[in-house]
Amino acid sequence: MVVAGTYGGWQYFVPAPAERSTVDAIVGVLLGLYICSHPAANGIDLIFAQRGAVQRMTSQWSGVRWLALNFLVMLVGWMVLVAGVTRLIGRVE
């Protein structure tokens, strides 16, 4: 999440020239995909690993915190991904 915050601050505070805009956008898309990949893999493992794992996970406080942290990381990754795609699509030629 620190890397995502650094990327967001970089995009907000440093105006990108037109020729560097494509590289910035691609970095944002790849970074967003990388950040989202870990919680998505955890979710898929949770769903398909064992029958009843979701119920056991949500019955304990530590499991709920783990799910909330995965959701937060997925949300941050999604925002970085959207920022990169927006910069890629909305750039001025």
C-alpha atoms as a PDB file:
ATOM      1  CA  MET A   1       0.000   0.000   0.000  1.00  0.00           C
ATOM      2  CA  VAL A   2       2.983   2.269   0.505  1.00  0.00           C
ATOM      3  CA  VAL A   3       3.963   1.802  -3.139  1.00  0.00           C
ATOM      4  CA  ALA A   4       0.406   2.620  -4.224  1.00  0.00           C
ATOM      5  CA  GLY A   5       0.438   5.765  -2.081  1.00  0.00           C
ATOM      6  CA  THR A   6       3.786   6.778  -3.545  1.00  0.00           C
ATOM      7  CA  TYR A   7       2.465   6.281  -7.073  1.00  0.00           C
ATOM      8  CA  GLY A   8      -0.675   8.282  -6.268  1.00  0.00           C
ATOM      9  CA  GLY A   9       1.341  11.139  -4.797  1.00  0.00           C
ATOM     10  CA  TRP A  10       3.678  11.084  -7.772  1.00  0.00           C
ATOM     11  CA  GLN A  11       0.756  11.297 -10.188  1.00  0.00           C
ATOM     12  CA  TYR A  12      -0.904  14.067  -8.196  1.00  0.00           C
ATOM     13  CA  PHE A  13       2.030  16.326  -7.440  1.00  0.00           C
ATOM     14  CA  VAL A  14       4.291  15.867 -10.474  1.00  0.00           C
ATOM     15  CA  PRO A  15       2.659  16.985 -13.715  1.00  0.00           C
ATOM     16  CA  ALA A  16       3.641  14.625 -16.509  1.00  0.00           C
ATOM     17  CA  PRO A  17       4.758  15.913 -19.884  1.00  0.00           C
ATOM     18  CA  ALA A  18       2.925  14.444 -22.866  1.00  0.00           C
ATOM     19  CA  GLU A  19       5.715  12.081 -23.948  1.00  0.00           C
ATOM     20  CA  ARG A  20       6.053  10.558 -20.475  1.00  0.00           C
ATOM     21  CA  SER A  21       2.329  10.191 -19.955  1.00  0.00           C
ATOM     22  CA  THR A  22       2.124   6.793 -21.662  1.00  0.00           C
ATOM     23  CA  VAL A  23       4.903   5.351 -19.506  1.00  0.00           C
ATOM     24  CA  ASP A  24       3.254   6.713 -16.344  1.00  0.00           C
ATOM     25  CA  ALA A  25      -0.051   5.174 -17.379  1.00  0.00           C
ATOM     26  CA  ILE A  26       1.462   1.772 -18.116  1.00  0.00           C
ATOM     27  CA  VAL A  27       3.271   1.794 -14.769  1.00  0.00           C
ATOM     28  CA  GLY A  28      -0.054   2.573 -13.064  1.00  0.00           C
ATOM     29  CA  VAL A  29      -1.904  -0.225 -14.840  1.00  0.00           C
ATOM     30  CA  LEU A  30       0.786  -2.801 -14.104  1.00  0.00           C
ATOM     31  CA  LEU A  31       1.141  -1.672 -10.492  1.00  0.00           C
ATOM     32  CA  GLY A  32      -2.628  -1.822  -9.996  1.00  0.00           C
ATOM     33  CA  LEU A  33      -2.800  -5.313 -11.465  1.00  0.00           C
ATOM     34  CA  TYR A  34       0.075  -6.459  -9.253  1.00  0.00           C
ATOM     35  CA  ILE A  35      -1.488  -5.013  -6.110  1.00  0.00           C
ATOM     36  CA  CYS A  36      -4.866  -6.600  -6.882  1.00  0.00           C
ATOM     37  CA  SER A  37      -3.367  -9.993  -7.687  1.00  0.00           C
ATOM     38  CA  HIS A  38      -2.464 -10.931  -4.115  1.00  0.00           C
ATOM     39  CA  PRO A  39      -5.880 -10.406  -2.477  1.00  0.00           C
ATOM     40  CA  ALA A  40      -7.556 -11.996  -5.491  1.00  0.00           C
ATOM     41  CA  ALA A  41      -5.351 -15.081  -5.117  1.00  0.00           C
ATOM     42  CA  ASN A  42      -6.134 -15.194  -1.396  1.00  0.00           C
ATOM     43  CA  GLY A  43      -9.859 -15.004  -2.144  1.00  0.00           C
ATOM     44  CA  ILE A  44      -9.691 -17.770  -4.719  1.00  0.00           C
ATOM     45  CA  ASP A  45      -7.716 -19.946  -2.300  1.00  0.00           C
ATOM     46  CA  LEU A  46     -10.297 -19.286   0.396  1.00  0.00           C
ATOM     47  CA  ILE A  47     -13.201 -20.217  -1.857  1.00  0.00           C
ATOM     48  CA  PHE A  48     -11.744 -23.347  -3.388  1.00  0.00           C
ATOM     49  CA  ALA A  49      -9.391 -24.650  -0.679  1.00  0.00           C
ATOM     50  CA  GLN A  50     -11.839 -26.336   1.674  1.00  0.00           C
ATOM     51  CA  ARG A  51     -15.556 -26.623   2.105  1.00  0.00           C
ATOM     52  CA  GLY A  52     -16.724 -24.307   4.871  1.00  0.00           C
ATOM     53  CA  ALA A  53     -13.515 -22.263   4.993  1.00  0.00           C
ATOM     54  CA  VAL A  54     -15.383 -18.974   4.532  1.00  0.00           C
ATOM     55  CA  GLN A  55     -17.655 -19.741   7.471  1.00  0.00           C
ATOM     56  CA  ARG A  56     -14.704 -20.645   9.685  1.00  0.00           C
ATOM     57  CA  MET A  57     -12.835 -17.537   8.536  1.00  0.00           C
ATOM     58  CA  THR A  58     -15.684 -15.174   9.383  1.00  0.00           C
ATOM     59  CA  SER A  59     -16.385 -16.778  12.763  1.00  0.00           C
ATOM     60  CA  GLN A  60     -13.098 -15.535  14.268  1.00  0.00           C
ATOM     61  CA  TRP A  61     -12.076 -11.924  14.730  1.00  0.00           C
ATOM     62  CA  SER A  62      -8.634 -12.494  13.198  1.00  0.00           C
ATOM     63  CA  GLY A  63     -10.274 -13.933  10.071  1.00  0.00           C
ATOM     64  CA  VAL A  64     -12.537 -10.920   9.721  1.00  0.00           C
ATOM     65  CA  ARG A  65      -9.529  -8.603  10.032  1.00  0.00           C
ATOM     66  CA  TRP A  66      -7.687 -10.643   7.384  1.00  0.00           C
ATOM     67  CA  LEU A  67     -10.656 -10.386   5.020  1.00  0.00           C
ATOM     68  CA  ALA A  68     -10.972  -6.643   5.673  1.00  0.00           C
ATOM     69  CA  LEU A  69      -7.269  -6.111   4.985  1.00  0.00           C
ATOM     70  CA  ASN A  70      -7.529  -8.078   1.742  1.00  0.00           C
ATOM     71  CA  PHE A  71     -10.548  -5.995   0.735  1.00  0.00           C
ATOM     72  CA  LEU A  72      -8.687  -2.767   1.533  1.00  0.00           C
ATOM     73  CA  VAL A  73      -5.642  -3.816  -0.505  1.00  0.00           C
ATOM     74  CA  MET A  74      -7.924  -4.825  -3.396  1.00  0.00           C
ATOM     75  CA  LEU A  75      -9.651  -1.428  -3.240  1.00  0.00           C
ATOM     76  CA  VAL A  76      -6.328   0.443  -3.243  1.00  0.00           C
ATOM     77  CA  GLY A  77      -5.075  -1.647  -6.152  1.00  0.00           C
ATOM     78  CA  TRP A  78      -8.286  -0.992  -8.042  1.00  0.00           C
ATOM     79  CA  MET A  79      -7.891   2.780  -7.533  1.00  0.00           C
ATOM     80  CA  VAL A  80      -4.300   2.650  -8.838  1.00  0.00           C
ATOM     81  CA  LEU A  81      -5.480   0.621 -11.821  1.00  0.00           C
ATOM     82  CA  VAL A  82      -8.260   3.093 -12.605  1.00  0.00           C
ATOM     83  CA  ALA A  83      -5.842   6.011 -12.292  1.00  0.00           C
ATOM     84  CA  GLY A  84      -3.448   4.351 -14.738  1.00  0.00           C
ATOM     85  CA  VAL A  85      -6.189   3.495 -17.234  1.00  0.00           C
ATOM     86  CA  THR A  86      -7.632   6.996 -16.975  1.00  0.00           C
ATOM     87  CA  ARG A  87      -4.232   8.499 -17.643  1.00  0.00           C
ATOM     88  CA  LEU A  88      -3.724   6.126 -20.570  1.00  0.00           C
ATOM     89  CA  ILE A  89      -7.116   6.754 -22.169  1.00  0.00           C
ATOM     90  CA  GLY A  90      -7.418  10.436 -21.340  1.00  0.00           C
ATOM     91  CA  ARG A  91      -3.985  11.580 -22.478  1.00  0.00           C
ATOM     92  CA  VAL A  92      -3.658  14.447 -24.919  1.00  0.00           C
ATOM     93  CA  GLU A  93      -1.734  13.669 -28.077  1.00  0.00           C
END
